[in-house]
PDB file of all heavy atoms in Angstrom:
ATOM      1  N   VAL A   1      37.333   4.996  36.801  1.00  0.00           N
ATOM      2  CA  VAL A   1      37.618   6.323  37.358  1.00  0.00           C
ATOM      3  C   VAL A   1      38.769   6.876  36.578  1.00  0.00           C
ATOM      4  O   VAL A   1      38.844   8.086  36.294  1.00  0.00           O
ATOM      5  CB  VAL A   1      37.953   6.258  38.866  1.00  0.00           C
ATOM      6  CG1 VAL A   1      38.300   7.596  39.413  1.00  0.00           C
ATOM      7  CG2 VAL A   1      36.753   5.663  39.597  1.00  0.00           C
ATOM      8  N   THR A   2      39.745   6.045  36.254  1.00  0.00           N
ATOM      9  CA  THR A   2      40.896   6.460  35.439  1.00  0.00           C
ATOM     10  C   THR A   2      40.987   5.580  34.162  1.00  0.00           C
ATOM     11  O   THR A   2      40.524   4.414  34.183  1.00  0.00           O
ATOM     12  CB  THR A   2      42.180   6.321  36.226  1.00  0.00           C
ATOM     13  OG1 THR A   2      42.311   4.955  36.668  1.00  0.00           O
ATOM     14  CG2 THR A   2      42.215   7.258  37.439  1.00  0.00           C
ATOM     15  N   PRO A   3      41.507   6.125  33.082  1.00  0.00           N
ATOM     16  CA  PRO A   3      41.589   5.350  31.822  1.00  0.00           C
ATOM     17  C   PRO A   3      42.241   3.987  32.046  1.00  0.00           C
ATOM     18  O   PRO A   3      43.299   3.934  32.650  1.00  0.00           O
ATOM     19  CB  PRO A   3      42.374   6.263  30.908  1.00  0.00           C
ATOM     20  CG  PRO A   3      42.136   7.659  31.441  1.00  0.00           C
ATOM     21  CD  PRO A   3      42.048   7.487  32.937  1.00  0.00           C
ATOM     22  N   GLY A   4      41.602   2.965  31.541  1.00  0.00           N
ATOM     23  CA  GLY A   4      42.187   1.613  31.675  1.00  0.00           C
ATOM     24  C   GLY A   4      41.923   0.930  32.971  1.00  0.00           C
ATOM     25  O   GLY A   4      42.295  -0.227  33.136  1.00  0.00           O
ATOM     26  N   GLY A   5      41.204   1.595  33.892  1.00  0.00           N
ATOM     27  CA  GLY A   5      40.902   1.036  35.193  1.00  0.00           C
ATOM     28  C   GLY A   5      39.708   0.109  35.187  1.00  0.00           C
ATOM     29  O   GLY A   5      39.069  -0.101  34.109  1.00  0.00           O
ATOM     30  N   GLN A   6      39.388  -0.432  36.290  1.00  0.00           N
ATOM     31  CA  GLN A   6      38.224  -1.316  36.426  1.00  0.00           C
ATOM     32  C   GLN A   6      36.934  -0.598  36.045  1.00  0.00           C
ATOM     33  O   GLN A   6      36.723   0.555  36.474  1.00  0.00           O
ATOM     34  CB  GLN A   6      38.050  -1.832  37.898  1.00  0.00           C
ATOM     35  CG  GLN A   6      36.851  -2.687  38.146  1.00  0.00           C
ATOM     36  CD  GLN A   6      36.710  -3.040  39.623  1.00  0.00           C
ATOM     37  OE1 GLN A   6      37.698  -3.269  40.306  1.00  0.00           O
ATOM     38  NE2 GLN A   6      35.480  -3.200  40.079  1.00  0.00           N
ATOM     39  N   ASN A   7      36.101  -1.249  35.259  1.00  0.00           N
ATOM     40  CA  ASN A   7      34.852  -0.685  34.832  1.00  0.00           C
ATOM     41  C   ASN A   7      33.754  -0.762  35.925  1.00  0.00           C
ATOM     42  O   ASN A   7      32.717  -1.262  35.747  1.00  0.00           O
ATOM     43  CB  ASN A   7      34.344  -1.407  33.586  1.00  0.00           C
ATOM     44  CG  ASN A   7      35.121  -1.002  32.327  1.00  0.00           C
ATOM     45  OD1 ASN A   7      35.652   0.085  32.266  1.00  0.00           O
ATOM     46  ND2 ASN A   7      35.222  -1.943  31.409  1.00  0.00           N
ATOM     47  N   GLY A   8      34.115  -0.157  37.063  1.00  0.00           N
ATOM     48  CA  GLY A   8      33.145   0.019  38.111  1.00  0.00           C
ATOM     49  C   GLY A   8      32.394  -1.279  38.466  1.00  0.00           C
ATOM     50  O   GLY A   8      32.960  -2.324  38.747  1.00  0.00           O
ATOM     51  N   LEU A   9      31.097  -1.215  38.399  1.00  0.00           N
ATOM     52  CA  LEU A   9      30.190  -2.298  38.785  1.00  0.00           C
ATOM     53  C   LEU A   9      29.792  -3.180  37.608  1.00  0.00           C
ATOM     54  O   LEU A   9      28.915  -3.985  37.702  1.00  0.00           O
ATOM     55  CB  LEU A   9      28.932  -1.771  39.484  1.00  0.00           C
ATOM     56  CG  LEU A   9      29.145  -1.051  40.791  1.00  0.00           C
ATOM     57  CD1 LEU A   9      27.835  -0.350  41.215  1.00  0.00           C
ATOM     58  CD2 LEU A   9      29.662  -2.000  41.864  1.00  0.00           C
ATOM     59  N   GLN A  10      30.463  -3.005  36.463  1.00  0.00           N
ATOM     60  CA  GLN A  10      30.101  -3.744  35.278  1.00  0.00           C
ATOM     61  C   GLN A  10      30.127  -5.261  35.503  1.00  0.00           C
ATOM     62  O   GLN A  10      29.142  -5.981  35.210  1.00  0.00           O
ATOM     63  CB  GLN A  10      31.059  -3.375  34.136  1.00  0.00           C
ATOM     64  CG  GLN A  10      30.560  -3.870  32.790  1.00  0.00           C
ATOM     65  CD  GLN A  10      31.516  -3.458  31.659  1.00  0.00           C
ATOM     66  OE1 GLN A  10      32.467  -4.145  31.416  1.00  0.00           O
ATOM     67  NE2 GLN A  10      31.268  -2.316  31.048  1.00  0.00           N
ATOM     68  N   THR A  11      31.199  -5.777  36.069  1.00  0.00           N
ATOM     69  CA  THR A  11      31.265  -7.291  36.350  1.00  0.00           C
ATOM     70  C   THR A  11      30.214  -7.626  37.391  1.00  0.00           C
ATOM     71  O   THR A  11      29.572  -8.702  37.237  1.00  0.00           O
ATOM     72  CB  THR A  11      32.709  -7.607  36.843  1.00  0.00           C
ATOM     73  OG1 THR A  11      33.654  -7.364  35.800  1.00  0.00           O
ATOM     74  CG2 THR A  11      32.748  -9.108  37.229  1.00  0.00           C
ATOM     75  N   PHE A  12      30.047  -6.829  38.431  1.00  0.00           N
ATOM     76  CA  PHE A  12      29.083  -7.158  39.431  1.00  0.00           C
ATOM     77  C   PHE A  12      27.685  -7.353  38.810  1.00  0.00           C
ATOM     78  O   PHE A  12      27.029  -8.370  39.077  1.00  0.00           O
ATOM     79  CB  PHE A  12      28.998  -6.026  40.462  1.00  0.00           C
ATOM     80  CG  PHE A  12      27.774  -5.998  41.263  1.00  0.00           C
ATOM     81  CD1 PHE A  12      27.569  -6.874  42.309  1.00  0.00           C
ATOM     82  CD2 PHE A  12      26.768  -5.070  41.000  1.00  0.00           C
ATOM     83  CE1 PHE A  12      26.424  -6.892  43.068  1.00  0.00           C
ATOM     84  CE2 PHE A  12      25.582  -5.073  41.755  1.00  0.00           C
ATOM     85  CZ  PHE A  12      25.414  -5.957  42.781  1.00  0.00           C
ATOM     86  N   PHE A  13      27.193  -6.387  38.033  1.00  0.00           N
ATOM     87  CA  PHE A  13      25.842  -6.491  37.511  1.00  0.00           C
ATOM     88  C   PHE A  13      25.694  -7.688  36.514  1.00  0.00           C
ATOM     89  O   PHE A  13      24.606  -8.258  36.406  1.00  0.00           O
ATOM     90  CB  PHE A  13      25.477  -5.196  36.797  1.00  0.00           C
ATOM     91  CG  PHE A  13      24.931  -4.176  37.729  1.00  0.00           C
ATOM     92  CD1 PHE A  13      25.636  -3.046  38.008  1.00  0.00           C
ATOM     93  CD2 PHE A  13      23.694  -4.311  38.324  1.00  0.00           C
ATOM     94  CE1 PHE A  13      25.155  -2.065  38.862  1.00  0.00           C
ATOM     95  CE2 PHE A  13      23.193  -3.363  39.185  1.00  0.00           C
ATOM     96  CZ  PHE A  13      23.930  -2.204  39.470  1.00  0.00           C
ATOM     97  N   ALA A  14      26.753  -8.060  35.871  1.00  0.00           N
ATOM     98  CA  ALA A  14      26.703  -9.153  34.880  1.00  0.00           C
ATOM     99  C   ALA A  14      26.758 -10.520  35.536  1.00  0.00           C
ATOM    100  O   ALA A  14      26.433 -11.540  34.939  1.00  0.00           O
ATOM    101  CB  ALA A  14      27.797  -9.016  33.872  1.00  0.00           C
ATOM    102  N   SER A  15      27.187 -10.591  36.837  1.00  0.00           N
ATOM    103  CA  SER A  15      27.576 -11.884  37.454  1.00  0.00           C
ATOM    104  C   SER A  15      26.375 -12.686  37.999  1.00  0.00           C
ATOM    105  O   SER A  15      26.539 -13.892  38.250  1.00  0.00           O
ATOM    106  CB  SER A  15      28.572 -11.639  38.571  1.00  0.00           C
ATOM    107  OG  SER A  15      29.795 -11.129  38.047  1.00  0.00           O
ATOM    108  N   GLN A  16      25.288 -12.063  38.175  1.00  0.00           N
ATOM    109  CA  GLN A  16      24.087 -12.752  38.760  1.00  0.00           C
ATOM    110  C   GLN A  16      22.841 -11.866  38.578  1.00  0.00           C
ATOM    111  O   GLN A  16      23.000 -10.673  38.292  1.00  0.00           O
ATOM    112  CB  GLN A  16      24.257 -13.120  40.211  1.00  0.00           C
ATOM    113  CG  GLN A  16      24.224 -11.887  41.167  1.00  0.00           C
ATOM    114  CD  GLN A  16      25.471 -11.062  41.144  1.00  0.00           C
ATOM    115  OE1 GLN A  16      26.536 -11.598  41.278  1.00  0.00           O
ATOM    116  NE2 GLN A  16      25.293  -9.759  40.975  1.00  0.00           N
ATOM    117  N   GLY A  17      21.681 -12.444  38.770  1.00  0.00           N
ATOM    118  CA  GLY A  17      20.473 -11.663  38.791  1.00  0.00           C
ATOM    119  C   GLY A  17      20.395 -10.869  40.092  1.00  0.00           C
ATOM    120  O   GLY A  17      20.934 -11.256  41.128  1.00  0.00           O
ATOM    121  N   ASN A  18      19.695  -9.720  40.043  1.00  0.00           N
ATOM    122  CA  ASN A  18      19.662  -8.845  41.208  1.00  0.00           C
ATOM    123  C   ASN A  18      18.150  -8.473  41.530  1.00  0.00           C
ATOM    124  O   ASN A  18      17.328  -8.418  40.658  1.00  0.00           O
ATOM    125  CB  ASN A  18      20.424  -7.562  40.902  1.00  0.00           C
ATOM    126  CG  ASN A  18      21.852  -7.843  40.529  1.00  0.00           C
ATOM    127  OD1 ASN A  18      22.705  -8.210  41.358  1.00  0.00           O
ATOM    128  ND2 ASN A  18      22.154  -7.723  39.251  1.00  0.00           N
ATOM    129  N   PHE A  19      17.971  -8.233  42.813  1.00  0.00           N
ATOM    130  CA  PHE A  19      16.737  -7.624  43.320  1.00  0.00           C
ATOM    131  C   PHE A  19      17.165  -6.318  43.947  1.00  0.00           C
ATOM    132  O   PHE A  19      17.850  -6.307  44.971  1.00  0.00           O
ATOM    133  CB  PHE A  19      16.027  -8.560  44.296  1.00  0.00           C
ATOM    134  CG  PHE A  19      15.570  -9.833  43.715  1.00  0.00           C
ATOM    135  CD1 PHE A  19      16.368 -10.972  43.729  1.00  0.00           C
ATOM    136  CD2 PHE A  19      14.314  -9.927  43.158  1.00  0.00           C
ATOM    137  CE1 PHE A  19      15.897 -12.163  43.188  1.00  0.00           C
ATOM    138  CE2 PHE A  19      13.855 -11.134  42.562  1.00  0.00           C
ATOM    139  CZ  PHE A  19      14.645 -12.228  42.574  1.00  0.00           C
ATOM    140  N   THR A  20      16.741  -5.214  43.361  1.00  0.00           N
ATOM    141  CA  THR A  20      17.287  -3.914  43.708  1.00  0.00           C
ATOM    142  C   THR A  20      16.206  -3.011  44.309  1.00  0.00           C
ATOM    143  O   THR A  20      15.086  -2.931  43.749  1.00  0.00           O
ATOM    144  CB  THR A  20      17.895  -3.229  42.456  1.00  0.00           C
ATOM    145  OG1 THR A  20      18.841  -4.119  41.865  1.00  0.00           O
ATOM    146  CG2 THR A  20      18.583  -1.934  42.819  1.00  0.00           C
ATOM    147  N   LEU A  21      16.587  -2.343  45.407  1.00  0.00           N
ATOM    148  CA  LEU A  21      15.661  -1.442  46.081  1.00  0.00           C
ATOM    149  C   LEU A  21      16.077   0.004  45.885  1.00  0.00           C
ATOM    150  O   LEU A  21      17.254   0.308  45.609  1.00  0.00           O
ATOM    151  CB  LEU A  21      15.635  -1.760  47.601  1.00  0.00           C
ATOM    152  CG  LEU A  21      15.351  -3.197  47.989  1.00  0.00           C
ATOM    153  CD1 LEU A  21      15.371  -3.324  49.505  1.00  0.00           C
ATOM    154  CD2 LEU A  21      13.993  -3.612  47.481  1.00  0.00           C
ATOM    155  N   MET A  22      15.142   0.914  46.011  1.00  0.00           N
ATOM    156  CA  MET A  22      15.368   2.344  45.889  1.00  0.00           C
ATOM    157  C   MET A  22      15.506   2.929  47.304  1.00  0.00           C
ATOM    158  O   MET A  22      14.694   2.587  48.170  1.00  0.00           O
ATOM    159  CB  MET A  22      14.179   2.987  45.155  1.00  0.00           C
ATOM    160  CG  MET A  22      14.398   4.355  44.651  1.00  0.00           C
ATOM    161  SD  MET A  22      12.898   4.893  43.800  1.00  0.00           S
ATOM    162  CE  MET A  22      13.522   6.347  42.905  1.00  0.00           C
ATOM    163  N   ASP A  23      16.448   3.852  47.469  1.00  0.00           N
ATOM    164  CA  ASP A  23      16.651   4.443  48.840  1.00  0.00           C
ATOM    165  C   ASP A  23      16.792   5.939  48.665  1.00  0.00           C
ATOM    166  O   ASP A  23      16.431   6.497  47.638  1.00  0.00           O
ATOM    167  CB  ASP A  23      17.852   3.752  49.507  1.00  0.00           C
ATOM    168  CG  ASP A  23      17.835   3.912  51.032  1.00  0.00           C
ATOM    169  OD1 ASP A  23      16.857   4.428  51.559  1.00  0.00           O
ATOM    170  OD2 ASP A  23      18.822   3.503  51.660  1.00  0.00           O
ATOM    171  N   ASN A  24      17.328   6.581  49.681  1.00  0.00           N
ATOM    172  CA  ASN A  24      17.355   8.035  49.706  1.00  0.00           C
ATOM    173  C   ASN A  24      18.253   8.703  48.641  1.00  0.00           C
ATOM    174  O   ASN A  24      17.939   9.743  48.108  1.00  0.00           O
ATOM    175  CB  ASN A  24      17.731   8.565  51.089  1.00  0.00           C
ATOM    176  CG  ASN A  24      19.072   8.053  51.577  1.00  0.00           C
ATOM    177  OD1 ASN A  24      19.321   6.869  51.566  1.00  0.00           O
ATOM    178  ND2 ASN A  24      19.910   8.929  52.090  1.00  0.00           N
ATOM    179  N   HIS A  25      19.397   8.039  48.307  1.00  0.00           N
ATOM    180  CA  HIS A  25      20.297   8.714  47.400  1.00  0.00           C
ATOM    181  C   HIS A  25      19.837   8.680  45.947  1.00  0.00           C
ATOM    182  O   HIS A  25      20.177   9.556  45.142  1.00  0.00           O
ATOM    183  CB  HIS A  25      21.709   8.139  47.544  1.00  0.00           C
ATOM    184  CG  HIS A  25      22.410   8.574  48.818  1.00  0.00           C
ATOM    185  ND1 HIS A  25      22.871   9.885  48.954  1.00  0.00           N
ATOM    186  CD2 HIS A  25      22.674   7.914  49.954  1.00  0.00           C
ATOM    187  CE1 HIS A  25      23.384   9.978  50.192  1.00  0.00           C
ATOM    188  NE2 HIS A  25      23.293   8.795  50.797  1.00  0.00           N
ATOM    189  N   GLU A  26      19.063   7.691  45.596  1.00  0.00           N
ATOM    190  CA  GLU A  26      18.409   7.674  44.266  1.00  0.00           C
ATOM    191  C   GLU A  26      17.468   8.832  44.159  1.00  0.00           C
ATOM    192  O   GLU A  26      17.154   9.261  43.025  1.00  0.00           O
ATOM    193  CB  GLU A  26      17.658   6.362  44.023  1.00  0.00           C
ATOM    194  CG  GLU A  26      18.496   5.153  43.802  1.00  0.00           C
ATOM    195  CD  GLU A  26      18.861   4.411  45.107  1.00  0.00           C
ATOM    196  OE1 GLU A  26      18.599   4.973  46.178  1.00  0.00           O
ATOM    197  OE2 GLU A  26      19.441   3.348  45.016  1.00  0.00           O
ATOM    198  N   LEU A  27      17.034   9.424  45.263  1.00  0.00           N
ATOM    199  CA  LEU A  27      16.079  10.544  45.274  1.00  0.00           C
ATOM    200  C   LEU A  27      16.793  11.858  45.639  1.00  0.00           C
ATOM    201  O   LEU A  27      16.110  12.826  45.965  1.00  0.00           O
ATOM    202  CB  LEU A  27      14.930  10.205  46.297  1.00  0.00           C
ATOM    203  CG  LEU A  27      14.082   9.043  45.894  1.00  0.00           C
ATOM    204  CD1 LEU A  27      13.175   8.675  47.077  1.00  0.00           C
ATOM    205  CD2 LEU A  27      13.302   9.297  44.639  1.00  0.00           C
ATOM    206  N   GLY A  28      18.098  11.869  45.645  1.00  0.00           N
ATOM    207  CA  GLY A  28      18.784  13.108  45.875  1.00  0.00           C
ATOM    208  C   GLY A  28      19.040  13.440  47.348  1.00  0.00           C
ATOM    209  O   GLY A  28      19.574  14.463  47.708  1.00  0.00           O
TER     210      GLY A  28
END
């Protein structure tokens, strides 16, 4: 969010395999 801050979900996505679902916000 700010320069030099945590890269959001970057570590989260790299840390394990995921099973991901689609919900209402992916559709606006």
